[in-house]
Amino acid sequence: MVVLRLTRGGSKKKPFYRIVAVDSRKKRDGKFLDILGYYNPIIKEKTVKINMEKYNAWIEKGAQASETVKRLVKKAV
């Protein structure tokens, strides 16, 4: 099953997240299928950038978005 979730990047105490499509059995920061966007919580504006075409394509294919990703999509639109 494919899941849309966050994967962590960045250094210690400076997180940066990618929104990715990944097999649900993989680790959080493991191999992913596609990058859909990113989320940067450190800067004041808390930047969220999502490619909605890719997001909608994965949802149509049956991918399940995590609660956090759903919340970020609402914020981005």
Protein backbone atom coordinates (compact mmCIF):
# COMPACT_ATOMS: atom_id res chain seq x y z
CA MET A 1 0.00 0.00 0.00
CA VAL A 2 1.31 3.46 -0.90
CA VAL A 3 1.25 6.18 1.76
CA LEU A 4 1.87 9.92 1.43
CA ARG A 5 3.91 11.02 4.43
CA LEU A 6 6.77 13.19 5.63
CA THR A 7 10.42 12.21 5.60
CA ARG A 8 12.87 14.19 7.73
CA GLY A 9 15.96 15.93 6.50
CA GLY A 10 18.11 18.75 7.79
CA SER A 11 20.54 18.79 10.67
CA LYS A 12 20.12 18.44 14.40
CA LYS A 13 17.48 20.85 15.76
CA LYS A 14 16.90 22.21 12.23
CA PRO A 15 14.36 19.87 10.64
CA PHE A 16 13.26 20.02 7.02
CA TYR A 17 10.59 17.67 5.70
CA ARG A 18 9.81 16.29 2.26
CA ILE A 19 6.33 15.11 1.37
CA VAL A 20 6.82 11.76 -0.36
CA ALA A 21 4.93 8.77 -1.72
CA VAL A 22 6.34 5.63 -0.11
CA ASP A 23 5.49 1.98 0.44
CA SER A 24 3.92 1.73 3.91
CA ARG A 25 6.38 -1.01 4.93
CA LYS A 26 9.45 1.20 4.41
CA LYS A 27 11.23 3.17 7.14
CA ARG A 28 10.42 6.84 7.70
CA ASP A 29 13.56 8.02 5.90
CA GLY A 30 13.88 5.00 3.61
CA LYS A 31 13.56 4.66 -0.13
CA PHE A 32 10.58 6.54 -1.59
CA LEU A 33 8.69 6.44 -4.88
CA ASP A 34 8.14 10.14 -5.59
CA ILE A 35 8.71 13.58 -4.02
CA LEU A 36 5.54 15.66 -3.92
CA GLY A 37 6.76 18.74 -2.08
CA TYR A 38 8.37 20.02 1.10
CA TYR A 39 7.62 21.61 4.47
CA ASN A 40 10.01 23.90 6.34
CA PRO A 41 8.81 24.58 9.93
CA ILE A 42 11.85 26.60 10.99
CA ILE A 43 11.33 29.91 9.19
CA LYS A 44 8.63 32.34 10.37
CA GLU A 45 6.23 31.67 7.48
CA LYS A 46 6.51 27.85 7.82
CA THR A 47 6.81 27.22 4.08
CA VAL A 48 4.66 24.49 2.53
CA LYS A 49 5.08 23.70 -1.18
CA ILE A 50 3.12 20.83 -2.73
CA ASN A 51 2.79 19.78 -6.37
CA MET A 52 -0.99 19.31 -6.40
CA GLU A 53 -0.95 17.49 -9.77
CA LYS A 54 1.27 14.75 -8.35
CA TYR A 55 -0.67 14.70 -5.07
CA ASN A 56 -4.01 14.23 -6.84
CA ALA A 57 -2.53 11.59 -9.15
CA TRP A 58 -1.33 9.51 -6.19
CA ILE A 59 -4.67 9.89 -4.38
CA GLU A 60 -6.48 8.68 -7.52
CA LYS A 61 -4.17 5.64 -7.64
CA GLY A 62 -5.30 4.74 -4.11
CA ALA A 63 -2.54 6.21 -1.94
CA GLN A 64 -3.48 7.15 1.63
CA ALA A 65 -2.29 10.50 2.99
CA SER A 66 -1.18 10.71 6.63
CA GLU A 67 -3.02 13.11 8.96
CA THR A 68 -0.09 15.53 8.91
CA VAL A 69 0.05 15.58 5.11
CA LYS A 70 -3.71 16.18 4.92
CA ARG A 71 -3.32 19.13 7.30
CA LEU A 72 -0.44 20.56 5.25
CA VAL A 73 -2.40 20.21 2.00
CA LYS A 74 -5.28 22.21 3.49
CA LYS A 75 -2.79 24.87 4.58
CA ALA A 76 -1.16 25.01 1.14
CA VAL A 77 -4.41 25.40 -0.81
